[in-house]
Amino acid sequence: MDHGSSPTKICKSVVDEDIISNLPEALRDKILCCLPIKEAVGTCLLSRTWRYTWASMTELMFRTADFASGNDSADDDRRFLKFTDMFLFLHNGPILKFCLNTVANEMVSTGGHLYRWMLMLSRNKIKEIQLQTSIRDSYKVPSSFFSCDELEYVYLRACVFTSLHLPPPSKGFKQLHTLRLEYVTVEGNSLGDLVASCPNLEKLNIRGLCSQSNINIRSTKLKVLKIEGWFTHLNLHAPYLTSVWIGLELNSDTDGASTTRCNFNLSPFIASLSDVETIRFHGHILERVEHEFLILKQPKLFNRLTEISLEINLGDLKEANFALCLFQHAPNLRFSFPGIPRDQQCISGNQ
């Protein structure tokens, strides 16, 4: 009498069954996206089913660190660039997320490759772009970048923005909610024009800004704003911000111990805020600002303001009065998150 299959046959059938290949396509894509991209391509050797699965991955991460051999860095760079070229050329289908990280090797140069890659991405319904390139590899943002009109998240490093290729607001990034920039050089009002082309932008984070131009940022959707770097002209109108962080650094080539001023509409900007919860002014912003500080003639209270952090010279009456006025109009102030004191003098709110 046959009482069923033997344990040996059951085990053999389980081993023979290709469980992973029978997974839904979306789940297989998720598995590949979790692997280093070289290993993802290597899955083409598993079976006929997997031969071209890598070519339709929706999330791509290219890192020079994955190509480091420990011998000749120049050969590593060439292999990295050739691999990325090949992958994008053979890729078939939408690319929702593209990440490029060359920070591990400060000497690598993407050269014209980056412009070619961006053109490919602009044709693939890209949603997220992260370009973490070397500071030595500074590049002008390609015009094809502005054709990626379905972008939702952008992080660019070591780039230059010009107004030459910016789209009109009517053809901008209508879905973009987060923009992160590091070590960015801004020419003209390209930054303000870029923000104007993003009607739903909620988070703007800029670190290492370098600009001698007039920067005018106007947005009624912006919730979080962080600007750190060297700039000479800044005009802000974003009344519904909940978090503000402005940090001014000195340009060692031109400023030194000089009295170079910063044209920043500080008083009207602060007075326009209605929902602000956190205010941080760091670096030399309060020292170099050109306008008179905040004087609230109308009895306005910042009822939601709970955190204030100021780097301030207590020996400067104007700066001290600014801090006092701000604290007096924040009845619900609880604590602050202070930064590194300027000249070892920092004041922060505590209540």
C-alpha atoms as a PDB file:
ATOM      1  CA  MET A   1       0.000   0.000   0.000  1.00  0.00           C
ATOM      2  CA  ASP A   2       1.228   3.452  -0.911  1.00  0.00           C
ATOM      3  CA  HIS A   3       0.963   5.658   2.141  1.00  0.00           C
ATOM      4  CA  GLY A   4       2.122   8.721   0.209  1.00  0.00           C
ATOM      5  CA  SER A   5       5.359  10.036  -1.233  1.00  0.00           C
ATOM      6  CA  SER A   6       8.535   9.211   0.600  1.00  0.00           C
ATOM      7  CA  PRO A   7      10.417  11.964   2.465  1.00  0.00           C
ATOM      8  CA  THR A   8      13.221  11.646  -0.098  1.00  0.00           C
ATOM      9  CA  LYS A   9      10.881  12.424  -3.010  1.00  0.00           C
ATOM     10  CA  ILE A  10       9.309  15.348  -1.149  1.00  0.00           C
ATOM     11  CA  CYS A  11      12.724  16.856  -0.420  1.00  0.00           C
ATOM     12  CA  LYS A  12      13.778  16.364  -4.052  1.00  0.00           C
ATOM     13  CA  SER A  13      10.668  18.127  -5.356  1.00  0.00           C
ATOM     14  CA  VAL A  14      11.273  21.082  -3.025  1.00  0.00           C
ATOM     15  CA  VAL A  15      14.904  21.350  -4.114  1.00  0.00           C
ATOM     16  CA  ASP A  16      13.999  21.135  -7.803  1.00  0.00           C
ATOM     17  CA  GLU A  17      11.361  23.842  -7.526  1.00  0.00           C
ATOM     18  CA  ASP A  18      12.728  27.301  -8.443  1.00  0.00           C
ATOM     19  CA  ILE A  19      10.884  29.324  -5.818  1.00  0.00           C
ATOM     20  CA  ILE A  20      12.649  32.642  -6.461  1.00  0.00           C
ATOM     21  CA  SER A  21      12.076  32.555 -10.218  1.00  0.00           C
ATOM     22  CA  ASN A  22       8.372  32.011  -9.625  1.00  0.00           C
ATOM     23  CA  LEU A  23       8.046  35.087  -7.436  1.00  0.00           C
ATOM     24  CA  PRO A  24       6.041  38.037  -8.773  1.00  0.00           C
ATOM     25  CA  GLU A  25       8.064  40.286 -11.061  1.00  0.00           C
ATOM     26  CA  ALA A  26       7.797  43.259  -8.693  1.00  0.00           C
ATOM     27  CA  LEU A  27       9.234  41.198  -5.825  1.00  0.00           C
ATOM     28  CA  ARG A  28      12.121  39.923  -7.953  1.00  0.00           C
ATOM     29  CA  ASP A  29      12.884  43.519  -8.906  1.00  0.00           C
ATOM     30  CA  LYS A  30      12.925  44.469  -5.222  1.00  0.00           C
ATOM     31  CA  ILE A  31      15.398  41.678  -4.462  1.00  0.00           C
ATOM     32  CA  LEU A  32      17.741  42.796  -7.244  1.00  0.00           C
ATOM     33  CA  CYS A  33      17.554  46.423  -6.123  1.00  0.00           C
ATOM     34  CA  CYS A  34      18.849  45.379  -2.686  1.00  0.00           C
ATOM     35  CA  LEU A  35      22.013  43.874  -4.196  1.00  0.00           C
ATOM     36  CA  PRO A  36      25.184  45.740  -5.232  1.00  0.00           C
ATOM     37  CA  ILE A  37      24.620  46.445  -8.903  1.00  0.00           C
ATOM     38  CA  LYS A  38      27.510  44.229 -10.092  1.00  0.00           C
ATOM     39  CA  GLU A  39      25.992  41.268  -8.245  1.00  0.00           C
ATOM     40  CA  ALA A  40      22.560  42.085  -9.645  1.00  0.00           C
ATOM     41  CA  VAL A  41      23.959  41.798 -13.176  1.00  0.00           C
ATOM     42  CA  GLY A  42      25.634  38.534 -12.156  1.00  0.00           C
ATOM     43  CA  THR A  43      22.218  36.918 -11.613  1.00  0.00           C
ATOM     44  CA  CYS A  44      21.996  36.537 -15.403  1.00  0.00           C
ATOM     45  CA  LEU A  45      23.999  33.308 -14.930  1.00  0.00           C
ATOM     46  CA  LEU A  46      21.382  31.694 -12.690  1.00  0.00           C
ATOM     47  CA  SER A  47      18.995  30.565 -15.411  1.00  0.00           C
ATOM     48  CA  ARG A  48      17.286  31.614 -18.616  1.00  0.00           C
ATOM     49  CA  THR A  49      14.559  33.209 -16.527  1.00  0.00           C
ATOM     50  CA  TRP A  50      17.094  35.504 -14.880  1.00  0.00           C
ATOM     51  CA  ARG A  51      19.142  36.274 -17.991  1.00  0.00           C
ATOM     52  CA  TYR A  52      17.624  39.712 -18.606  1.00  0.00           C
ATOM     53  CA  THR A  53      15.872  40.403 -15.316  1.00  0.00           C
ATOM     54  CA  TRP A  54      18.585  42.887 -14.266  1.00  0.00           C
ATOM     55  CA  ALA A  55      17.935  44.944 -17.408  1.00  0.00           C
ATOM     56  CA  SER A  56      14.544  46.039 -16.097  1.00  0.00           C
ATOM     57  CA  MET A  57      15.570  47.047 -12.556  1.00  0.00           C
ATOM     58  CA  THR A  58      13.700  50.160 -11.434  1.00  0.00           C
ATOM     59  CA  GLU A  59      16.186  51.376  -8.784  1.00  0.00           C
ATOM     60  CA  LEU A  60      19.857  51.771  -9.699  1.00  0.00           C
ATOM     61  CA  MET A  61      22.834  52.524  -7.443  1.00  0.00           C
ATOM     62  CA  PHE A  62      26.286  52.989  -9.004  1.00  0.00           C
ATOM     63  CA  ARG A  63      29.211  53.397  -6.569  1.00  0.00           C
ATOM     64  CA  THR A  64      32.904  53.655  -7.372  1.00  0.00           C
ATOM     65  CA  ALA A  65      33.598  51.878  -4.063  1.00  0.00           C
ATOM     66  CA  ASP A  66      32.140  48.669  -5.558  1.00  0.00           C
ATOM     67  CA  PHE A  67      34.805  48.734  -8.288  1.00  0.00           C
ATOM     68  CA  ALA A  68      37.842  49.349  -6.079  1.00  0.00           C
ATOM     69  CA  SER A  69      40.500  46.688  -6.640  1.00  0.00           C
ATOM     70  CA  GLY A  70      43.121  48.158  -4.336  1.00  0.00           C
ATOM     71  CA  ASN A  71      45.617  48.370  -7.189  1.00  0.00           C
ATOM     72  CA  ASP A  72      45.300  50.871 -10.046  1.00  0.00           C
ATOM     73  CA  SER A  73      42.620  53.455  -9.307  1.00  0.00           C
ATOM     74  CA  ALA A  74      42.715  54.676 -12.919  1.00  0.00           C
ATOM     75  CA  ASP A  75      41.746  51.196 -14.148  1.00  0.00           C
ATOM     76  CA  ASP A  76      39.028  51.046 -11.496  1.00  0.00           C
ATOM     77  CA  ASP A  77      37.595  54.335 -12.728  1.00  0.00           C
ATOM     78  CA  ARG A  78      37.592  53.167 -16.341  1.00  0.00           C
ATOM     79  CA  ARG A  79      35.848  49.927 -15.410  1.00  0.00           C
ATOM     80  CA  PHE A  80      33.257  51.858 -13.386  1.00  0.00           C
ATOM     81  CA  LEU A  81      32.479  54.303 -16.200  1.00  0.00           C
ATOM     82  CA  LYS A  82      32.368  51.543 -18.829  1.00  0.00           C
ATOM     83  CA  PHE A  83      30.085  49.393 -16.677  1.00  0.00           C
ATOM     84  CA  THR A  84      27.665  52.272 -16.030  1.00  0.00           C
ATOM     85  CA  ASP A  85      27.590  53.153 -19.730  1.00  0.00           C
ATOM     86  CA  MET A  86      26.889  49.536 -20.663  1.00  0.00           C
ATOM     87  CA  PHE A  87      24.218  49.068 -18.032  1.00  0.00           C
ATOM     88  CA  LEU A  88      22.222  52.153 -18.984  1.00  0.00           C
ATOM     89  CA  PHE A  89      22.565  51.385 -22.701  1.00  0.00           C
ATOM     90  CA  LEU A  90      21.135  47.874 -22.240  1.00  0.00           C
ATOM     91  CA  HIS A  91      18.519  48.828 -19.675  1.00  0.00           C
ATOM     92  CA  ASN A  92      14.938  48.334 -20.794  1.00  0.00           C
ATOM     93  CA  GLY A  93      12.017  49.895 -18.948  1.00  0.00           C
ATOM     94  CA  PRO A  94      11.363  52.708 -16.481  1.00  0.00           C
ATOM     95  CA  ILE A  95      14.030  53.863 -14.011  1.00  0.00           C
ATOM     96  CA  LEU A  96      12.346  55.236 -10.907  1.00  0.00           C
ATOM     97  CA  LYS A  97      15.473  55.861  -8.828  1.00  0.00           C
ATOM     98  CA  PHE A  98      19.048  56.598  -9.913  1.00  0.00           C
ATOM     99  CA  CYS A  99      21.930  57.016  -7.454  1.00  0.00           C
ATOM    100  CA  LEU A 100      25.516  57.796  -8.396  1.00  0.00           C
ATOM    101  CA  ASN A 101      28.206  57.921  -5.704  1.00  0.00           C
ATOM    102  CA  THR A 102      31.807  58.734  -6.650  1.00  0.00           C
ATOM    103  CA  VAL A 103      32.753  60.379  -3.332  1.00  0.00           C
ATOM    104  CA  ALA A 104      34.939  57.422  -2.299  1.00  0.00           C
ATOM    105  CA  ASN A 105      37.378  58.355  -5.069  1.00  0.00           C
ATOM    106  CA  GLU A 106      37.911  62.112  -5.247  1.00  0.00           C
ATOM    107  CA  MET A 107      39.981  61.728  -8.426  1.00  0.00           C
ATOM    108  CA  VAL A 108      37.322  60.082 -10.602  1.00  0.00           C
ATOM    109  CA  SER A 109      35.926  62.304 -13.337  1.00  0.00           C
ATOM    110  CA  THR A 110      32.577  61.531 -14.903  1.00  0.00           C
ATOM    111  CA  GLY A 111      33.360  64.047 -17.651  1.00  0.00           C
ATOM    112  CA  GLY A 112      30.866  63.884 -20.499  1.00  0.00           C
ATOM    113  CA  HIS A 113      29.447  60.614 -19.190  1.00  0.00           C
ATOM    114  CA  LEU A 114      27.170  62.409 -16.749  1.00  0.00           C
ATOM    115  CA  TYR A 115      25.501  64.406 -19.504  1.00  0.00           C
ATOM    116  CA  ARG A 116      24.856  61.220 -21.488  1.00  0.00           C
ATOM    117  CA  TRP A 117      23.487  59.396 -18.454  1.00  0.00           C
ATOM    118  CA  MET A 118      21.179  62.278 -17.595  1.00  0.00           C
ATOM    119  CA  LEU A 119      19.792  62.269 -21.123  1.00  0.00           C
ATOM    120  CA  MET A 120      18.972  58.561 -20.769  1.00  0.00           C
ATOM    121  CA  LEU A 121      17.291  59.152 -17.411  1.00  0.00           C
ATOM    122  CA  SER A 122      15.144  61.972 -18.787  1.00  0.00           C
ATOM    123  CA  ARG A 123      13.491  59.410 -21.079  1.00  0.00           C
ATOM    124  CA  ASN A 124      12.714  56.881 -18.338  1.00  0.00           C
ATOM    125  CA  LYS A 125      10.103  58.508 -16.055  1.00  0.00           C
ATOM    126  CA  ILE A 126      12.675  59.021 -13.314  1.00  0.00           C
ATOM    127  CA  LYS A 127      11.261  59.854  -9.850  1.00  0.00           C
ATOM    128  CA  GLU A 128      14.412  60.220  -7.747  1.00  0.00           C
ATOM    129  CA  ILE A 129      17.942  61.347  -8.630  1.00  0.00           C
ATOM    130  CA  GLN A 130      20.921  61.369  -6.264  1.00  0.00           C
ATOM    131  CA  LEU A 131      24.280  62.459  -7.707  1.00  0.00           C
ATOM    132  CA  GLN A 132      26.955  62.373  -5.006  1.00  0.00           C
ATOM    133  CA  THR A 133      29.919  63.380  -7.136  1.00  0.00           C
ATOM    134  CA  SER A 134      33.420  64.429  -6.136  1.00  0.00           C
ATOM    135  CA  ILE A 135      34.033  68.090  -5.311  1.00  0.00           C
ATOM    136  CA  ARG A 136      36.853  68.028  -7.878  1.00  0.00           C
ATOM    137  CA  ASP A 137      34.349  66.857 -10.477  1.00  0.00           C
ATOM    138  CA  SER A 138      32.147  69.955 -10.383  1.00  0.00           C
ATOM    139  CA  TYR A 139      29.777  70.123 -13.345  1.00  0.00           C
ATOM    140  CA  LYS A 140      27.093  72.344 -14.796  1.00  0.00           C
ATOM    141  CA  VAL A 141      23.677  70.773 -14.358  1.00  0.00           C
ATOM    142  CA  PRO A 142      22.807  69.267 -17.774  1.00  0.00           C
ATOM    143  CA  SER A 143      19.881  70.764 -19.665  1.00  0.00           C
ATOM    144  CA  SER A 144      18.328  67.273 -19.915  1.00  0.00           C
ATOM    145  CA  PHE A 145      17.929  67.283 -16.115  1.00  0.00           C
ATOM    146  CA  PHE A 146      15.146  69.835 -16.498  1.00  0.00           C
ATOM    147  CA  SER A 147      13.266  67.436 -18.779  1.00  0.00           C
ATOM    148  CA  CYS A 148      12.822  64.974 -15.889  1.00  0.00           C
ATOM    149  CA  ASP A 149       9.432  66.464 -15.101  1.00  0.00           C
ATOM    150  CA  GLU A 150       8.234  63.562 -12.900  1.00  0.00           C
ATOM    151  CA  LEU A 151      10.952  64.006 -10.280  1.00  0.00           C
ATOM    152  CA  GLU A 152       9.884  63.866  -6.631  1.00  0.00           C
ATOM    153  CA  TYR A 153      13.270  63.872  -4.842  1.00  0.00           C
ATOM    154  CA  VAL A 154      16.609  65.385  -5.939  1.00  0.00           C
ATOM    155  CA  TYR A 155      20.043  65.393  -4.309  1.00  0.00           C
ATOM    156  CA  LEU A 156      22.899  66.981  -6.254  1.00  0.00           C
ATOM    157  CA  ARG A 157      26.482  67.469  -5.065  1.00  0.00           C
ATOM    158  CA  ALA A 158      29.295  69.612  -6.499  1.00  0.00           C
ATOM    159  CA  CYS A 159      27.261  71.236  -9.252  1.00  0.00           C
ATOM    160  CA  VAL A 160      26.749  74.625 -10.900  1.00  0.00           C
ATOM    161  CA  PHE A 161      23.305  76.079 -11.602  1.00  0.00           C
ATOM    162  CA  THR A 162      22.772  78.620 -14.355  1.00  0.00           C
ATOM    163  CA  SER A 163      19.564  80.199 -15.617  1.00  0.00           C
ATOM    164  CA  LEU A 164      20.391  79.192 -19.175  1.00  0.00           C
ATOM    165  CA  HIS A 165      18.518  75.886 -19.215  1.00  0.00           C
ATOM    166  CA  LEU A 166      15.927  76.434 -16.496  1.00  0.00           C
ATOM    167  CA  PRO A 167      12.359  75.623 -17.550  1.00  0.00           C
ATOM    168  CA  PRO A 168       9.557  78.173 -17.246  1.00  0.00           C
ATOM    169  CA  PRO A 169       7.437  77.669 -14.097  1.00  0.00           C
ATOM    170  CA  SER A 170       4.618  76.235 -16.226  1.00  0.00           C
ATOM    171  CA  LYS A 171       6.895  73.348 -17.320  1.00  0.00           C
ATOM    172  CA  GLY A 172       8.778  72.805 -14.077  1.00  0.00           C
ATOM    173  CA  PHE A 173       8.934  70.002 -11.531  1.00  0.00           C
ATOM    174  CA  LYS A 174       5.328  69.847 -10.401  1.00  0.00           C
ATOM    175  CA  GLN A 175       5.847  66.702  -8.278  1.00  0.00           C
ATOM    176  CA  LEU A 176       9.154  67.625  -6.630  1.00  0.00           C
ATOM    177  CA  HIS A 177       8.804  67.810  -2.829  1.00  0.00           C
ATOM    178  CA  THR A 178      12.453  67.622  -1.659  1.00  0.00           C
ATOM    179  CA  LEU A 179      15.558  69.331  -3.067  1.00  0.00           C
ATOM    180  CA  ARG A 180      19.009  68.789  -1.498  1.00  0.00           C
ATOM    181  CA  LEU A 181      22.098  70.558  -2.814  1.00  0.00           C
ATOM    182  CA  GLU A 182      25.691  70.312  -1.543  1.00  0.00           C
ATOM    183  CA  TYR A 183      28.688  72.396  -2.619  1.00  0.00           C
ATOM    184  CA  VAL A 184      26.612  74.201  -5.198  1.00  0.00           C
ATOM    185  CA  THR A 185      27.555  77.324  -7.142  1.00  0.00           C
ATOM    186  CA  VAL A 186      24.648  79.529  -8.171  1.00  0.00           C
ATOM    187  CA  GLU A 187      24.798  81.977 -11.060  1.00  0.00           C
ATOM    188  CA  GLY A 188      22.203  84.725 -11.421  1.00  0.00           C
ATOM    189  CA  ASN A 189      18.848  83.982  -9.802  1.00  0.00           C
ATOM    190  CA  SER A 190      18.907  80.388 -11.011  1.00  0.00           C
ATOM    191  CA  LEU A 191      18.175  79.085  -7.505  1.00  0.00           C
ATOM    192  CA  GLY A 192      15.120  81.305  -7.105  1.00  0.00           C
ATOM    193  CA  ASP A 193      13.940  80.399 -10.596  1.00  0.00           C
ATOM    194  CA  LEU A 194      14.404  76.714  -9.820  1.00  0.00           C
ATOM    195  CA  VAL A 195      12.297  76.973  -6.650  1.00  0.00           C
ATOM    196  CA  ALA A 196       9.650  78.898  -8.603  1.00  0.00           C
ATOM    197  CA  SER A 197       9.450  75.983 -11.049  1.00  0.00           C
ATOM    198  CA  CYS A 198       8.653  73.589  -8.156  1.00  0.00           C
ATOM    199  CA  PRO A 199       5.146  74.615  -6.997  1.00  0.00           C
ATOM    200  CA  ASN A 200       4.904  71.762  -4.454  1.00  0.00           C
ATOM    201  CA  LEU A 201       8.409  71.939  -2.987  1.00  0.00           C
ATOM    202  CA  GLU A 202       8.284  71.401   0.795  1.00  0.00           C
ATOM    203  CA  LYS A 203      11.943  70.855   1.766  1.00  0.00           C
ATOM    204  CA  LEU A 204      14.921  72.865   0.507  1.00  0.00           C
ATOM    205  CA  ASN A 205      18.288  71.922   2.000  1.00  0.00           C
ATOM    206  CA  ILE A 206      21.427  73.669   0.721  1.00  0.00           C
ATOM    207  CA  ARG A 207      24.894  73.093   2.179  1.00  0.00           C
ATOM    208  CA  GLY A 208      28.051  74.692   0.846  1.00  0.00           C
ATOM    209  CA  LEU A 209      26.303  77.393  -1.197  1.00  0.00           C
ATOM    210  CA  CYS A 210      28.503  79.812  -3.149  1.00  0.00           C
ATOM    211  CA  SER A 211      26.843  82.828  -4.743  1.00  0.00           C
ATOM    212  CA  GLN A 212      27.552  86.479  -5.450  1.00  0.00           C
ATOM    213  CA  SER A 213      24.210  86.950  -7.204  1.00  0.00           C
ATOM    214  CA  ASN A 214      20.820  88.102  -5.970  1.00  0.00           C
ATOM    215  CA  ILE A 215      18.988  85.050  -4.639  1.00  0.00           C
ATOM    216  CA  ASN A 216      15.225  85.539  -4.444  1.00  0.00           C
ATOM    217  CA  ILE A 217      13.280  82.591  -3.059  1.00  0.00           C
ATOM    218  CA  ARG A 218       9.506  82.828  -3.000  1.00  0.00           C
ATOM    219  CA  SER A 219       7.307  79.878  -2.068  1.00  0.00           C
ATOM    220  CA  THR A 220       4.015  79.394  -0.260  1.00  0.00           C
ATOM    221  CA  LYS A 221       4.431  75.601   0.018  1.00  0.00           C
ATOM    222  CA  LEU A 222       7.914  75.474   1.536  1.00  0.00           C
ATOM    223  CA  LYS A 223       7.947  73.986   5.061  1.00  0.00           C
ATOM    224  CA  VAL A 224      11.625  73.339   5.781  1.00  0.00           C
ATOM    225  CA  LEU A 225      14.457  75.639   4.678  1.00  0.00           C
ATOM    226  CA  LYS A 226      18.165  75.208   5.383  1.00  0.00           C
ATOM    227  CA  ILE A 227      20.798  77.375   3.688  1.00  0.00           C
ATOM    228  CA  GLU A 228      24.465  77.235   4.690  1.00  0.00           C
ATOM    229  CA  GLY A 229      27.327  78.751   2.759  1.00  0.00           C
ATOM    230  CA  TRP A 230      28.702  81.981   1.356  1.00  0.00           C
ATOM    231  CA  PHE A 231      26.284  84.438  -0.220  1.00  0.00           C
ATOM    232  CA  THR A 232      25.950  88.213  -0.475  1.00  0.00           C
ATOM    233  CA  HIS A 233      22.279  88.724  -1.389  1.00  0.00           C
ATOM    234  CA  LEU A 234      19.354  86.721  -0.020  1.00  0.00           C
ATOM    235  CA  ASN A 235      15.684  87.631  -0.243  1.00  0.00           C
ATOM    236  CA  LEU A 236      13.213  85.179   1.269  1.00  0.00           C
ATOM    237  CA  HIS A 237       9.428  85.022   1.183  1.00  0.00           C
ATOM    238  CA  ALA A 238       8.124  81.717   2.530  1.00  0.00           C
ATOM    239  CA  PRO A 239       5.473  82.563   5.136  1.00  0.00           C
ATOM    240  CA  TYR A 240       4.474  78.979   5.965  1.00  0.00           C
ATOM    241  CA  LEU A 241       7.876  77.640   6.970  1.00  0.00           C
ATOM    242  CA  THR A 242       7.962  75.498  10.107  1.00  0.00           C
ATOM    243  CA  SER A 243      11.761  75.212  10.265  1.00  0.00           C
ATOM    244  CA  VAL A 244      14.363  77.844   9.292  1.00  0.00           C
ATOM    245  CA  TRP A 245      18.137  77.382   9.371  1.00  0.00           C
ATOM    246  CA  ILE A 246      20.354  80.087   7.873  1.00  0.00           C
ATOM    247  CA  GLY A 247      24.137  79.912   8.234  1.00  0.00           C
ATOM    248  CA  LEU A 248      26.552  82.380   6.639  1.00  0.00           C
ATOM    249  CA  GLU A 249      30.174  81.411   6.127  1.00  0.00           C
ATOM    250  CA  LEU A 250      32.987  83.783   5.180  1.00  0.00           C
ATOM    251  CA  ASN A 251      34.804  83.458   1.892  1.00  0.00           C
ATOM    252  CA  SER A 252      38.461  83.146   2.877  1.00  0.00           C
ATOM    253  CA  ASP A 253      39.554  84.500  -0.504  1.00  0.00           C
ATOM    254  CA  THR A 254      37.626  87.775  -0.310  1.00  0.00           C
ATOM    255  CA  ASP A 255      36.268  88.336   3.191  1.00  0.00           C
ATOM    256  CA  GLY A 256      38.956  87.575   5.721  1.00  0.00           C
ATOM    257  CA  ALA A 257      38.600  90.087   8.509  1.00  0.00           C
ATOM    258  CA  SER A 258      36.807  92.579   6.275  1.00  0.00           C
ATOM    259  CA  THR A 259      33.369  94.048   6.911  1.00  0.00           C
ATOM    260  CA  THR A 260      31.677  92.636   3.809  1.00  0.00           C
ATOM    261  CA  ARG A 261      27.943  92.915   4.351  1.00  0.00           C
ATOM    262  CA  CYS A 262      25.161  90.474   3.505  1.00  0.00           C
ATOM    263  CA  ASN A 263      22.016  91.912   1.976  1.00  0.00           C
ATOM    264  CA  PHE A 264      19.321  89.786   3.635  1.00  0.00           C
ATOM    265  CA  ASN A 265      15.721  90.858   4.302  1.00  0.00           C
ATOM    266  CA  LEU A 266      15.881  89.455   7.828  1.00  0.00           C
ATOM    267  CA  SER A 267      13.290  91.642   9.573  1.00  0.00           C
ATOM    268  CA  PRO A 268      10.420  91.355   7.066  1.00  0.00           C
ATOM    269  CA  PHE A 269      11.195  87.664   6.589  1.00  0.00           C
ATOM    270  CA  ILE A 270      10.901  86.901  10.311  1.00  0.00           C
ATOM    271  CA  ALA A 271       7.806  89.073  10.660  1.00  0.00           C
ATOM    272  CA  SER A 272       6.069  87.210   7.812  1.00  0.00           C
ATOM    273  CA  LEU A 273       6.370  83.780   9.445  1.00  0.00           C
ATOM    274  CA  SER A 274       3.149  82.429  10.904  1.00  0.00           C
ATOM    275  CA  ASP A 275       3.738  78.693  11.498  1.00  0.00           C
ATOM    276  CA  VAL A 276       7.429  78.645  12.404  1.00  0.00           C
ATOM    277  CA  GLU A 277       8.485  76.146  15.086  1.00  0.00           C
ATOM    278  CA  THR A 278      12.286  76.255  14.810  1.00  0.00           C
ATOM    279  CA  ILE A 279      14.618  79.188  14.051  1.00  0.00           C
ATOM    280  CA  ARG A 280      18.380  78.816  13.768  1.00  0.00           C
ATOM    281  CA  PHE A 281      20.790  81.553  12.678  1.00  0.00           C
ATOM    282  CA  HIS A 282      24.380  80.329  12.688  1.00  0.00           C
ATOM    283  CA  GLY A 283      27.762  81.424  11.421  1.00  0.00           C
ATOM    284  CA  HIS A 284      28.164  85.130  10.637  1.00  0.00           C
ATOM    285  CA  ILE A 285      24.634  85.902   9.436  1.00  0.00           C
ATOM    286  CA  LEU A 286      23.676  88.184  12.348  1.00  0.00           C
ATOM    287  CA  GLU A 287      27.079  89.874  12.250  1.00  0.00           C
ATOM    288  CA  ARG A 288      27.099  90.642   8.525  1.00  0.00           C
ATOM    289  CA  VAL A 289      23.418  91.270   7.778  1.00  0.00           C
ATOM    290  CA  GLU A 290      22.941  94.718   6.257  1.00  0.00           C
ATOM    291  CA  HIS A 291      19.384  95.542   7.325  1.00  0.00           C
ATOM    292  CA  GLU A 292      18.242  96.695  10.728  1.00  0.00           C
ATOM    293  CA  PHE A 293      17.163  93.870  12.976  1.00  0.00           C
ATOM    294  CA  LEU A 294      13.664  92.847  13.901  1.00  0.00           C
ATOM    295  CA  ILE A 295      11.454  95.441  15.536  1.00  0.00           C
ATOM    296  CA  LEU A 296       7.891  94.211  15.843  1.00  0.00           C
ATOM    297  CA  LYS A 297       5.720  97.289  16.102  1.00  0.00           C
ATOM    298  CA  GLN A 298       2.572  95.184  16.060  1.00  0.00           C
ATOM    299  CA  PRO A 299       1.949  92.800  18.991  1.00  0.00           C
ATOM    300  CA  LYS A 300       2.652  89.601  17.033  1.00  0.00           C
ATOM    301  CA  LEU A 301       3.405  86.345  18.845  1.00  0.00           C
ATOM    302  CA  PHE A 302       5.077  83.243  17.431  1.00  0.00           C
ATOM    303  CA  ASN A 303       2.869  80.806  19.319  1.00  0.00           C
ATOM    304  CA  ARG A 304       4.291  77.703  17.642  1.00  0.00           C
ATOM    305  CA  LEU A 305       7.929  78.672  18.048  1.00  0.00           C
ATOM    306  CA  THR A 306       9.556  76.226  20.472  1.00  0.00           C
ATOM    307  CA  GLU A 307      13.236  76.204  19.415  1.00  0.00           C
ATOM    308  CA  ILE A 308      15.623  79.113  18.869  1.00  0.00           C
ATOM    309  CA  SER A 309      19.368  78.894  18.302  1.00  0.00           C
ATOM    310  CA  LEU A 310      21.471  81.983  17.637  1.00  0.00           C
ATOM    311  CA  GLU A 311      25.211  82.455  17.262  1.00  0.00           C
ATOM    312  CA  ILE A 312      25.551  86.001  18.495  1.00  0.00           C
ATOM    313  CA  ASN A 313      28.004  88.604  19.733  1.00  0.00           C
ATOM    314  CA  LEU A 314      26.651  89.710  23.108  1.00  0.00           C
ATOM    315  CA  GLY A 315      28.843  92.789  22.910  1.00  0.00           C
ATOM    316  CA  ASP A 316      26.893  94.021  19.891  1.00  0.00           C
ATOM    317  CA  LEU A 317      23.788  95.878  21.111  1.00  0.00           C
ATOM    318  CA  LYS A 318      21.923  95.384  17.842  1.00  0.00           C
ATOM    319  CA  GLU A 319      22.407  91.613  17.889  1.00  0.00           C
ATOM    320  CA  ALA A 320      21.487  91.383  21.572  1.00  0.00           C
ATOM    321  CA  ASN A 321      18.292  93.398  20.999  1.00  0.00           C
ATOM    322  CA  PHE A 322      17.360  91.107  18.129  1.00  0.00           C
ATOM    323  CA  ALA A 323      17.687  88.046  20.356  1.00  0.00           C
ATOM    324  CA  LEU A 324      15.714  89.683  23.172  1.00  0.00           C
ATOM    325  CA  CYS A 325      12.902  90.711  20.839  1.00  0.00           C
ATOM    326  CA  LEU A 326      12.681  87.228  19.347  1.00  0.00           C
ATOM    327  CA  PHE A 327      12.578  85.535  22.749  1.00  0.00           C
ATOM    328  CA  GLN A 328       9.917  87.952  24.030  1.00  0.00           C
ATOM    329  CA  HIS A 329       7.614  87.077  21.148  1.00  0.00           C
ATOM    330  CA  ALA A 330       7.903  83.303  21.612  1.00  0.00           C
ATOM    331  CA  PRO A 331       5.686  82.500  24.632  1.00  0.00           C
ATOM    332  CA  ASN A 332       5.934  78.727  24.138  1.00  0.00           C
ATOM    333  CA  LEU A 333       9.704  78.540  23.773  1.00  0.00           C
ATOM    334  CA  ARG A 334      10.980  75.294  25.321  1.00  0.00           C
ATOM    335  CA  PHE A 335      14.553  74.655  24.242  1.00  0.00           C
ATOM    336  CA  SER A 336      17.161  75.239  21.568  1.00  0.00           C
ATOM    337  CA  PHE A 337      19.652  73.247  19.601  1.00  0.00           C
ATOM    338  CA  PRO A 338      22.749  75.466  19.638  1.00  0.00           C
ATOM    339  CA  GLY A 339      25.506  75.265  17.068  1.00  0.00           C
ATOM    340  CA  ILE A 340      29.209  76.050  17.419  1.00  0.00           C
ATOM    341  CA  PRO A 341      29.565  79.506  18.997  1.00  0.00           C
ATOM    342  CA  ARG A 342      30.984  82.334  16.895  1.00  0.00           C
ATOM    343  CA  ASP A 343      33.949  83.825  18.790  1.00  0.00           C
ATOM    344  CA  GLN A 344      32.895  81.567  21.691  1.00  0.00           C
ATOM    345  CA  GLN A 345      29.713  83.602  22.203  1.00  0.00           C
ATOM    346  CA  CYS A 346      26.416  81.862  21.674  1.00  0.00           C
ATOM    347  CA  ILE A 347      22.977  82.537  23.056  1.00  0.00           C
ATOM    348  CA  SER A 348      20.102  80.109  23.003  1.00  0.00           C
ATOM    349  CA  GLY A 349      16.574  80.094  24.296  1.00  0.00           C
ATOM    350  CA  ASN A 350      15.557  78.023  27.277  1.00  0.00           C
ATOM    351  CA  GLN A 351      12.283  78.153  29.102  1.00  0.00           C
END
